[in-house]
Protein backbone atom coordinates (compact mmCIF):
# COMPACT_ATOMS: atom_id res chain seq x y z
CA PRO A 1 -3.36 28.96 -3.65
CA TYR A 2 -3.58 27.99 -7.29
CA ILE A 3 -6.59 29.03 -9.34
CA TYR A 4 -7.77 26.15 -11.44
CA PRO A 5 -8.08 27.21 -15.11
CA TRP A 6 -11.56 25.78 -15.71
CA SER A 7 -14.82 25.08 -14.01
CA ASN A 8 -16.99 22.00 -14.26
CA ASP A 9 -20.23 23.95 -14.54
CA ALA A 10 -21.68 27.00 -16.31
CA GLN A 11 -21.73 29.10 -13.12
CA GLY A 12 -17.93 29.05 -12.85
CA ARG A 13 -17.84 27.41 -9.43
CA PRO A 14 -14.48 26.01 -8.26
CA VAL A 15 -13.51 22.37 -8.53
CA THR A 16 -14.56 20.18 -5.61
CA VAL A 17 -11.68 18.18 -4.15
CA GLU A 18 -12.43 15.34 -1.75
CA VAL A 19 -9.70 15.02 0.88
CA ASN A 20 -9.36 12.12 3.28
CA LEU A 21 -6.69 11.88 5.96
CA VAL A 22 -6.25 8.52 7.71
CA LEU A 23 -4.17 8.36 10.88
CA HIS A 24 -1.97 5.29 10.87
CA LYS A 25 0.28 5.94 13.86
CA ILE A 26 1.30 8.65 16.34
CA LEU A 27 5.08 8.76 15.99
CA GLN A 28 5.99 11.36 18.60
CA VAL A 29 4.48 13.89 20.97
CA ASP A 30 6.82 16.66 22.12
CA LEU A 31 5.12 18.60 24.90
CA GLN A 32 7.97 21.11 25.30
CA LYS A 33 7.96 22.09 21.62
CA GLY A 34 4.22 21.60 21.26
CA THR A 35 4.55 19.34 18.24
CA LEU A 36 2.98 16.10 17.10
CA ALA A 37 4.45 13.73 14.49
CA LEU A 38 2.01 11.45 12.67
CA GLN A 39 2.17 8.63 10.13
CA VAL A 40 -0.77 9.17 7.76
CA TRP A 41 -2.40 8.31 4.44
CA LEU A 42 -3.53 11.36 2.44
CA ARG A 43 -6.14 10.61 -0.20
CA GLN A 44 -7.54 13.06 -2.74
CA ARG A 45 -10.17 12.74 -5.46
CA TRP A 46 -11.28 15.32 -8.04
CA PHE A 47 -12.96 15.54 -11.43
CA ASP A 48 -11.35 17.00 -14.57
CA PRO A 49 -13.72 16.80 -17.56
CA ARG A 50 -10.87 17.68 -19.95
CA MET A 51 -9.23 14.33 -19.15
CA ALA A 52 -12.25 12.07 -19.84
CA TRP A 53 -12.25 9.77 -22.86
CA ASN A 54 -14.43 7.19 -24.58
CA GLU A 55 -13.06 3.74 -23.72
CA SER A 56 -14.30 2.18 -26.96
CA GLU A 57 -12.33 4.72 -29.02
CA TRP A 58 -9.10 3.89 -27.17
CA GLY A 59 -8.99 0.10 -27.23
CA GLY A 60 -10.92 -0.42 -24.01
CA VAL A 61 -8.43 1.54 -21.85
CA LYS A 62 -10.22 2.26 -18.57
CA LYS A 63 -7.49 3.76 -16.40
CA LEU A 64 -4.24 5.70 -16.75
CA PHE A 65 -1.56 6.55 -14.19
CA PHE A 66 0.48 9.76 -13.89
CA ARG A 67 3.72 10.54 -12.08
CA MET A 68 3.08 12.89 -9.17
CA THR A 69 6.17 14.03 -7.27
CA GLU A 70 6.92 17.37 -5.66
CA GLU A 71 9.40 18.17 -8.43
CA GLN A 72 7.33 16.92 -11.36
CA LYS A 73 3.62 16.57 -11.83
CA GLU A 74 2.40 15.36 -15.19
CA VAL A 75 -1.10 16.77 -14.59
CA TRP A 76 -2.71 19.43 -12.38
CA ALA A 77 -3.21 18.39 -8.75
CA PRO A 78 -4.79 20.24 -5.81
CA ASP A 79 -2.42 22.04 -3.47
CA VAL A 80 -2.93 20.76 0.09
CA THR A 81 -1.33 22.60 3.00
CA LEU A 82 -1.27 21.97 6.73
CA TRP A 83 -1.71 25.43 8.26
CA ASN A 84 -0.09 24.71 11.61
CA GLY A 85 2.76 22.56 10.36
CA PRO A 86 6.43 23.58 10.22
CA ASP A 87 6.84 21.95 6.80
CA GLY A 88 4.44 21.63 3.92
CA VAL A 89 2.50 18.43 3.35
CA LEU A 90 4.09 17.35 0.06
CA PRO A 91 7.77 17.15 1.10
CA ASN A 92 6.93 14.53 3.72
CA MET A 93 4.73 12.31 1.54
CA GLU A 94 5.98 9.38 -0.49
CA PRO A 95 5.72 9.89 -4.25
CA GLN A 96 2.83 7.89 -5.69
CA MET A 97 1.15 7.62 -9.05
CA ALA A 98 -2.27 9.26 -9.48
CA GLY A 99 -4.94 7.16 -11.16
CA LEU A 100 -7.30 8.62 -13.78
CA THR A 101 -10.43 6.78 -14.89
CA SER A 102 -12.05 7.26 -18.28
CA ASP A 103 -14.88 9.33 -16.76
CA GLY A 104 -12.37 12.05 -15.76
CA TYR A 105 -11.95 11.26 -12.05
CA PHE A 106 -8.50 11.35 -10.45
CA TYR A 107 -7.59 9.41 -7.30
CA TRP A 108 -4.27 10.11 -5.57
CA ALA A 109 -3.31 8.36 -2.31
CA ARG A 110 0.04 8.90 -0.57
CA ASN A 111 1.50 7.76 2.70
CA GLY A 112 4.01 9.69 4.74
CA HIS A 113 4.51 11.64 7.91
CA MET A 114 3.04 14.93 9.02
CA ASP A 115 4.41 17.24 11.69
CA THR A 116 1.97 19.63 13.29
CA SER A 117 1.76 22.08 16.17
CA CYS A 118 -0.58 21.12 18.96
């Protein structure tokens, strides 16, 4: 796992990442292989105080978007892994832009499929 280079409090506690997984559809159940294929939405939210800005100093800009693909991330993002999956989570998710609000909160939602052992 990555170690995030800063903390959002004086005690040095790690960054809190909210993760939400929404099941959209069960694509396949393979009883012989013991696998399950799912269509899902993966949503993540975290706070980065280094990325906050004063809207009035930047022409009223309230939100920015950053490219977030497996090959190129323009900003730090949490590493999410499915422990009992044959592949990682990121290769099977559609690339989506991450939104950043002026208060320093990121929101990144991606759809895709997830294969897991059952």
